[in-house]
């Protein structure tokens, strides 16, 4: 009996200890959860904790690091409200100084707001360094606040460029704001006559460093620089605004790069490809030129029509505008029929017998020359 009673007593004691241990774990977990909740709440409301202005607190100095922690994750709109806050912080700084330093670190465009770049110096905070502008006047801060509140995009041109590169859906207001910035206007002045939308497209195909490096009015060099960044728009603009240079003076390296970028089907691409075929170029350039030219039609006999031994003329799906070619000593020469052309006129233009021209292309006196027809010149 004593043994049975002792066993029951031990079970009761063990049960009580287990219950106590479980309660202790639960209470500790609740305490830890409450502490974490209080901590998260304090971090989510830094302005209420760190920046609440107390009565008769004009002489109370706020700590720089506390202000930095309170400000660093706030949106621009919130930070702008502190640009008129003249309360003192540590080391001769004011609340507005630290707010502006964080705005500047977030690409707020101080230069555009003030029309100048104010003098600033580095200041070390808890985990970073910021630029502090201590010599700004009350009027400067008022101007900065008004600029930030009234400007749709008060950020720097570099930040605008980054946002435009990242955005898959264009924002017209951001595009218009960027096209008014100094770097873009400098590019536009260096490439007069080029529409802004094409310049914007080319700019975004390049990088910020390329845009910053534009310091010349030499259109050719600027466009070649953007071609080096693989900009298709730069290749197109080179053909459009510098045709003689593009068609006659490009070396094989840039001729190949230009052809590689010209994937859009248009008259300039066709004209340039045909020019590369009809001029002394490397085999690689000629091969790619032929590929570009053949891309203008889905007809299976297009390549066959351009091979020298074949005589069948080729009709492109769309007429291609091209200036009159001049005879060249190359092995294969071609002519794209324009509106108003005749066999007699073409034979005189190329200084070849009319009969040879007809024979070379399998034509008769009754053949109709439609614009876009490619003839091989004997």
Protein backbone atom coordinates (compact mmCIF):
# COMPACT_ATOMS: atom_id res chain seq x y z
CA UNK A 1 0.00 0.00 0.00
CA UNK A 2 2.82 2.37 0.95
CA UNK A 3 4.51 1.65 -2.37
CA UNK A 4 1.32 2.44 -4.34
CA UNK A 5 0.79 5.68 -2.41
CA UNK A 6 4.39 6.74 -3.05
CA UNK A 7 4.01 6.13 -6.80
CA UNK A 8 0.85 8.25 -6.96
CA UNK A 9 2.58 11.03 -5.06
CA UNK A 10 5.50 11.04 -7.49
CA UNK A 11 3.14 11.18 -10.48
CA UNK A 12 1.31 14.14 -8.94
CA UNK A 13 4.57 15.98 -8.31
CA UNK A 14 5.76 15.30 -11.87
CA UNK A 15 2.44 16.52 -13.29
CA UNK A 16 2.62 19.71 -11.25
CA UNK A 17 6.20 20.37 -12.37
CA UNK A 18 5.28 19.78 -16.03
CA UNK A 19 2.33 22.14 -15.77
CA UNK A 20 4.50 24.80 -14.12
CA UNK A 21 7.16 24.44 -16.79
CA UNK A 22 4.62 24.78 -19.60
CA UNK A 23 3.09 27.88 -17.96
CA UNK A 24 6.56 29.38 -17.57
CA UNK A 25 7.35 28.83 -21.26
CA UNK A 26 4.03 30.36 -22.33
CA UNK A 27 4.48 33.40 -20.08
CA UNK A 28 8.03 33.96 -21.34
CA UNK A 29 6.86 33.68 -24.96
CA UNK A 30 4.13 36.23 -24.31
CA UNK A 31 6.61 38.59 -22.66
CA UNK A 32 9.05 38.32 -25.56
CA UNK A 33 6.22 38.88 -28.06
CA UNK A 34 5.06 41.98 -26.20
CA UNK A 35 8.58 43.41 -26.09
CA UNK A 36 8.98 42.80 -29.87
CA UNK A 37 5.61 44.46 -30.52
CA UNK A 38 6.60 47.55 -28.53
CA UNK A 39 9.93 47.70 -30.41
CA UNK A 40 8.29 47.41 -33.82
CA UNK A 41 5.73 50.08 -32.92
CA UNK A 42 8.50 52.43 -31.82
CA UNK A 43 10.40 51.91 -35.07
CA UNK A 44 7.31 52.41 -37.22
CA UNK A 45 6.57 55.79 -35.63
CA UNK A 46 9.97 57.51 -35.41
CA UNK A 47 8.55 61.02 -35.78
CA UNK A 48 6.18 60.69 -32.83
CA UNK A 49 8.99 59.41 -30.63
CA UNK A 50 12.06 61.34 -31.75
CA UNK A 51 10.68 64.60 -33.10
CA UNK A 52 7.68 65.45 -30.99
CA UNK A 53 8.21 69.03 -29.92
CA UNK A 54 7.59 69.63 -26.25
CA UNK A 55 6.52 72.86 -24.62
CA UNK A 56 9.36 75.13 -23.56
CA UNK A 57 11.82 72.93 -25.46
CA UNK A 58 13.54 75.64 -27.50
CA UNK A 59 16.77 75.07 -25.62
CA UNK A 60 16.54 71.27 -25.83
CA UNK A 61 18.92 69.88 -28.45
CA UNK A 62 17.90 66.83 -30.43
CA UNK A 63 20.52 64.19 -31.11
CA UNK A 64 21.90 64.03 -34.64
CA UNK A 65 21.80 60.25 -34.85
CA UNK A 66 18.23 60.13 -33.52
CA UNK A 67 17.19 62.57 -36.23
CA UNK A 68 19.02 60.59 -38.89
CA UNK A 69 17.32 57.34 -37.82
CA UNK A 70 13.93 59.06 -37.74
CA UNK A 71 14.39 60.66 -41.17
CA UNK A 72 16.23 58.06 -43.26
CA UNK A 73 13.22 55.92 -44.24
CA UNK A 74 10.74 58.77 -44.74
CA UNK A 75 9.35 59.77 -48.17
CA UNK A 76 10.33 63.05 -49.81
CA UNK A 77 6.94 64.59 -49.04
CA UNK A 78 7.44 64.05 -45.30
CA UNK A 79 11.01 65.31 -45.28
CA UNK A 80 10.00 68.52 -47.08
CA UNK A 81 7.85 69.49 -44.07
CA UNK A 82 11.01 69.72 -41.93
CA UNK A 83 12.87 72.18 -44.15
CA UNK A 84 11.44 75.02 -42.04
CA UNK A 85 12.26 73.36 -38.72
CA UNK A 86 14.93 75.51 -37.03
CA UNK A 87 15.21 73.51 -33.80
CA UNK A 88 18.78 72.92 -32.76
CA UNK A 89 20.44 69.56 -32.90
CA UNK A 90 24.00 68.72 -31.85
CA UNK A 91 27.25 70.32 -33.08
CA UNK A 92 25.61 73.46 -34.48
CA UNK A 93 23.23 71.59 -36.78
CA UNK A 94 19.50 72.17 -37.07
CA UNK A 95 16.70 69.73 -37.79
CA UNK A 96 16.31 71.19 -41.29
CA UNK A 97 20.02 70.60 -42.05
CA UNK A 98 19.71 66.88 -41.44
CA UNK A 99 16.39 66.66 -43.32
CA UNK A 100 17.99 68.33 -46.35
CA UNK A 101 21.05 66.08 -46.14
CA UNK A 102 18.85 62.99 -46.42
CA UNK A 103 16.81 64.59 -49.23
CA UNK A 104 20.04 65.19 -51.12
CA UNK A 105 21.13 61.60 -50.53
CA UNK A 106 17.78 60.54 -52.04
CA UNK A 107 18.59 62.52 -55.23
CA UNK A 108 16.63 65.67 -54.43
CA UNK A 109 17.81 68.18 -57.05
CA UNK A 110 19.19 71.06 -54.98
CA UNK A 111 20.99 72.57 -57.97
CA UNK A 112 17.80 72.87 -60.01
CA UNK A 113 15.89 74.26 -57.02
CA UNK A 114 18.42 76.99 -56.18
CA UNK A 115 20.01 77.50 -59.59
CA UNK A 116 23.41 76.76 -58.04
CA UNK A 117 25.36 74.06 -56.26
CA UNK A 118 25.80 75.19 -52.63
CA UNK A 119 28.93 74.39 -50.66
CA UNK A 120 28.59 71.30 -48.50
CA UNK A 121 30.76 69.04 -46.39
CA UNK A 122 30.60 65.43 -45.23
CA UNK A 123 29.14 64.61 -41.84
CA UNK A 124 29.36 61.17 -40.24
CA UNK A 125 26.19 59.68 -38.80
CA UNK A 126 25.58 56.30 -37.17
CA UNK A 127 26.08 54.11 -40.24
CA UNK A 128 26.78 56.48 -43.12
CA UNK A 129 28.07 59.90 -44.17
CA UNK A 130 25.88 62.66 -45.59
CA UNK A 131 26.50 66.05 -47.18
CA UNK A 132 25.48 68.90 -44.88
CA UNK A 133 24.72 72.38 -46.28
CA UNK A 134 25.10 74.70 -43.29
CA UNK A 135 25.54 77.98 -45.17
CA UNK A 136 22.07 78.11 -46.72
CA UNK A 137 19.82 81.00 -45.73
CA UNK A 138 16.20 80.96 -44.59
CA UNK A 139 15.25 82.10 -48.09
CA UNK A 140 17.17 79.16 -49.58
CA UNK A 141 15.29 76.69 -47.41
CA UNK A 142 11.98 78.31 -48.31
CA UNK A 143 12.87 78.05 -51.99
CA UNK A 144 13.84 74.39 -51.59
CA UNK A 145 10.56 73.60 -49.85
CA UNK A 146 8.48 75.35 -52.53
CA UNK A 147 10.41 73.59 -55.30
CA UNK A 148 9.86 70.19 -53.70
CA UNK A 149 6.13 70.77 -53.21
CA UNK A 150 5.41 72.28 -56.63
CA UNK A 151 7.71 70.23 -58.89
CA UNK A 152 6.25 66.94 -60.13
CA UNK A 153 9.74 65.38 -60.32
CA UNK A 154 12.07 67.21 -57.89
CA UNK A 155 14.77 64.57 -58.29
CA UNK A 156 18.11 64.76 -60.09
CA UNK A 157 18.51 64.11 -63.80
CA UNK A 158 20.50 60.95 -63.03
CA UNK A 159 17.67 59.59 -60.88
CA UNK A 160 15.16 60.43 -63.65
CA UNK A 161 17.36 58.57 -66.13
CA UNK A 162 17.47 55.54 -63.84
CA UNK A 163 13.70 55.52 -63.39
CA UNK A 164 13.11 55.82 -67.14
CA UNK A 165 15.47 52.89 -67.77
CA UNK A 166 13.66 50.78 -65.17
CA UNK A 167 10.09 51.63 -66.21
CA UNK A 168 8.55 49.18 -68.64
CA UNK A 169 5.54 51.51 -69.05
CA UNK A 170 6.68 55.03 -70.04
CA UNK A 171 5.58 57.93 -67.85
CA UNK A 172 5.02 60.97 -70.13
CA UNK A 173 5.46 63.45 -67.27
CA UNK A 174 8.79 61.91 -66.30
CA UNK A 175 9.94 61.90 -69.92
CA UNK A 176 9.04 65.57 -70.35
CA UNK A 177 10.82 66.47 -67.11
CA UNK A 178 13.96 64.59 -68.14
CA UNK A 179 14.04 66.26 -71.56
CA UNK A 180 14.27 69.63 -69.77
CA UNK A 181 17.36 68.65 -67.77
CA UNK A 182 20.81 70.07 -68.53
CA UNK A 183 22.42 66.79 -69.73
CA UNK A 184 19.63 66.10 -72.21
CA UNK A 185 19.53 69.70 -73.44
CA UNK A 186 23.29 69.56 -73.97
CA UNK A 187 22.82 66.47 -76.15
CA UNK A 188 19.98 68.13 -78.07
CA UNK A 189 22.14 71.19 -78.78
CA UNK A 190 24.94 68.92 -80.01
CA UNK A 191 22.55 67.16 -82.41
CA UNK A 192 20.45 70.05 -83.82
CA UNK A 193 17.43 69.14 -85.89
CA UNK A 194 16.95 65.75 -84.25
CA UNK A 195 13.53 65.27 -82.71
CA UNK A 196 13.55 64.96 -78.94
CA UNK A 197 11.70 61.64 -78.90
CA UNK A 198 14.37 60.00 -81.03
CA UNK A 199 17.09 61.50 -78.83
CA UNK A 200 15.32 60.21 -75.72
CA UNK A 201 15.07 56.75 -77.24
CA UNK A 202 18.78 56.77 -78.11
CA UNK A 203 19.71 58.10 -74.67
CA UNK A 204 17.85 55.32 -72.88
CA UNK A 205 19.49 52.71 -75.10
CA UNK A 206 22.84 53.94 -73.79
CA UNK A 207 24.02 54.58 -70.25
CA UNK A 208 24.35 57.58 -67.95
CA UNK A 209 28.11 57.82 -68.41
CA UNK A 210 27.71 58.18 -72.19
CA UNK A 211 25.20 61.01 -71.77
CA UNK A 212 27.47 62.75 -69.27
CA UNK A 213 30.44 62.50 -71.63
CA UNK A 214 28.79 64.51 -74.44
CA UNK A 215 31.01 67.58 -74.74
CA UNK A 216 31.21 68.12 -78.47
CA UNK A 217 29.13 69.35 -81.38
CA UNK A 218 30.52 66.60 -83.60
CA UNK A 219 27.39 64.67 -84.53
CA UNK A 220 29.36 61.81 -86.09
CA UNK A 221 31.42 61.09 -82.97
CA UNK A 222 28.38 61.33 -80.68
CA UNK A 223 26.41 58.85 -82.78
CA UNK A 224 29.37 56.49 -83.08
CA UNK A 225 29.74 56.61 -79.29
CA UNK A 226 26.12 55.53 -78.90
CA UNK A 227 26.57 52.86 -81.57
CA UNK A 228 29.32 51.49 -79.32
CA UNK A 229 26.64 51.13 -76.61
CA UNK A 230 24.53 49.07 -79.07
CA UNK A 231 21.91 51.75 -79.74
CA UNK A 232 19.75 50.92 -82.81
CA UNK A 233 18.41 54.48 -82.79
CA UNK A 234 21.95 55.88 -83.07
CA UNK A 235 22.55 53.68 -86.13
CA UNK A 236 19.34 54.94 -87.73
CA UNK A 237 20.17 58.60 -86.96
CA UNK A 238 23.65 58.16 -88.44
CA UNK A 239 22.12 57.09 -91.77
CA UNK A 240 19.53 59.85 -91.66
CA UNK A 241 21.68 62.83 -90.69
CA UNK A 242 25.16 61.78 -91.81
CA UNK A 243 24.47 59.79 -95.02
CA UNK A 244 27.70 60.56 -96.85
CA UNK A 245 29.80 59.64 -93.84
CA UNK A 246 27.75 56.48 -93.19
CA UNK A 247 27.68 55.26 -96.78
CA UNK A 248 31.16 56.27 -97.90
CA UNK A 249 33.49 56.75 -94.95
CA UNK A 250 32.58 54.18 -92.29
CA UNK A 251 35.27 51.56 -91.83
CA UNK A 252 34.38 47.88 -91.91
CA UNK A 253 34.17 47.65 -88.11
CA UNK A 254 31.53 50.36 -87.77
CA UNK A 255 29.77 49.31 -90.99
CA UNK A 256 29.32 45.86 -89.43
CA UNK A 257 28.15 47.29 -86.10
CA UNK A 258 25.66 49.54 -87.88
CA UNK A 259 24.25 46.65 -89.90
CA UNK A 260 23.94 44.55 -86.75
CA UNK A 261 21.85 47.26 -85.11
CA UNK A 262 19.64 48.00 -88.12
CA UNK A 263 17.03 45.30 -87.58
CA UNK A 264 14.02 47.50 -88.31
CA UNK A 265 12.74 47.26 -91.88
CA UNK A 266 12.79 50.69 -93.51
CA UNK A 267 14.08 52.41 -96.64
CA UNK A 268 17.29 53.65 -94.99
CA UNK A 269 18.25 50.16 -93.88
CA UNK A 270 17.68 48.76 -97.36
CA UNK A 271 19.61 51.59 -98.96
CA UNK A 272 22.54 51.17 -96.59
CA UNK A 273 22.63 47.38 -97.06
CA UNK A 274 22.58 47.76 -100.84
CA UNK A 275 25.38 50.32 -100.61
CA UNK A 276 27.51 47.89 -98.60
CA UNK A 277 26.95 45.21 -101.26
CA UNK A 278 27.94 47.56 -104.06
CA UNK A 279 31.15 48.85 -102.43
CA UNK A 280 34.51 47.24 -101.56
CA UNK A 281 33.75 45.73 -98.17
CA UNK A 282 34.80 42.73 -96.12
CA UNK A 283 33.01 39.44 -96.70
CA UNK A 284 31.50 39.66 -93.22
CA UNK A 285 29.96 43.06 -94.00
CA UNK A 286 28.63 41.88 -97.38
CA UNK A 287 27.14 38.74 -95.85
CA UNK A 288 25.25 40.71 -93.20
CA UNK A 289 24.20 43.33 -95.78
CA UNK A 290 22.71 40.56 -97.90
CA UNK A 291 20.90 39.20 -94.84
CA UNK A 292 19.42 42.59 -94.06
CA UNK A 293 18.32 43.11 -97.65
CA UNK A 294 16.69 39.70 -97.89
CA UNK A 295 14.71 40.37 -94.72
CA UNK A 296 12.52 42.80 -96.67
CA UNK A 297 10.54 40.00 -98.31
CA UNK A 298 9.27 36.54 -97.52
CA UNK A 299 9.67 35.29 -101.08
CA UNK A 300 11.86 32.22 -101.26
CA UNK A 301 13.56 33.33 -104.44
CA UNK A 302 14.91 36.60 -103.01
CA UNK A 303 18.44 35.39 -102.39
CA UNK A 304 18.47 33.55 -105.72
CA UNK A 305 17.54 36.73 -107.51
CA UNK A 306 20.58 38.53 -106.10
CA UNK A 307 23.11 35.81 -106.99
CA UNK A 308 25.11 37.04 -110.02
CA UNK A 309 24.42 34.07 -112.30
CA UNK A 310 20.67 34.35 -111.93
CA UNK A 311 18.71 36.71 -114.17
CA UNK A 312 15.26 36.86 -112.61
CA UNK A 313 14.31 40.36 -111.40
CA UNK A 314 13.05 40.78 -107.85
CA UNK A 315 10.02 42.72 -106.64
CA UNK A 316 10.19 43.87 -103.05
CA UNK A 317 7.06 43.88 -100.94
CA UNK A 318 7.35 47.67 -100.54
CA UNK A 319 8.99 50.35 -102.70
CA UNK A 320 12.28 51.63 -101.31
CA UNK A 321 13.33 55.23 -101.71
CA UNK A 322 16.95 55.56 -102.76
CA UNK A 323 19.09 58.21 -104.38
CA UNK A 324 20.52 57.56 -107.82
CA UNK A 325 23.54 55.27 -107.60
CA UNK A 326 26.72 55.96 -109.47
CA UNK A 327 28.54 53.24 -111.40
CA UNK A 328 31.07 51.33 -109.31
CA UNK A 329 33.76 48.88 -110.33
CA UNK A 330 32.33 46.15 -108.06
CA UNK A 331 31.49 42.75 -109.51
CA UNK A 332 27.75 42.95 -108.76
CA UNK A 333 25.68 46.11 -109.25
CA UNK A 334 21.99 46.61 -108.63
CA UNK A 335 19.34 49.24 -109.29
CA UNK A 336 16.07 49.65 -107.38
CA UNK A 337 13.37 50.90 -109.74
CA UNK A 338 11.88 54.27 -108.78
CA UNK A 339 8.60 55.82 -109.91
CA UNK A 340 9.07 57.18 -113.45
CA UNK A 341 12.00 54.90 -114.32
CA UNK A 342 12.18 53.18 -117.72
CA UNK A 343 14.61 50.63 -119.17
CA UNK A 344 16.02 53.25 -121.51
CA UNK A 345 16.51 55.74 -118.68
CA UNK A 346 18.19 53.14 -116.48
CA UNK A 347 20.50 51.99 -119.29
CA UNK A 348 21.61 55.59 -119.86
CA UNK A 349 22.06 56.19 -116.14
CA UNK A 350 24.35 53.19 -115.79
CA UNK A 351 25.89 53.60 -119.25
CA UNK A 352 25.07 50.05 -120.37
CA UNK A 353 23.42 48.84 -123.60
CA UNK A 354 19.65 48.57 -123.36
CA UNK A 355 19.70 45.10 -124.88
CA UNK A 356 22.20 43.85 -122.27
CA UNK A 357 20.10 45.28 -119.47
CA UNK A 358 16.98 43.48 -120.73
CA UNK A 359 18.87 40.26 -121.34
CA UNK A 360 20.53 40.31 -117.91
CA UNK A 361 17.15 40.61 -116.16
CA UNK A 362 14.98 38.52 -118.52
CA UNK A 363 12.91 41.52 -119.59
CA UNK A 364 11.21 42.47 -122.87
CA UNK A 365 10.01 45.74 -124.36
CA UNK A 366 6.58 45.01 -122.87
CA UNK A 367 7.88 44.41 -119.34
CA UNK A 368 6.34 46.73 -116.71
CA UNK A 369 8.80 48.24 -114.25
CA UNK A 370 7.17 48.61 -110.86
CA UNK A 371 8.73 50.70 -108.08
CA UNK A 372 10.72 48.42 -105.80
CA UNK A 373 11.89 46.09 -108.58
CA UNK A 374 15.61 45.25 -108.22
CA UNK A 375 17.52 44.97 -111.48
CA UNK A 376 21.02 43.59 -111.89
CA UNK A 377 23.25 45.89 -113.89
CA UNK A 378 25.45 44.01 -116.43
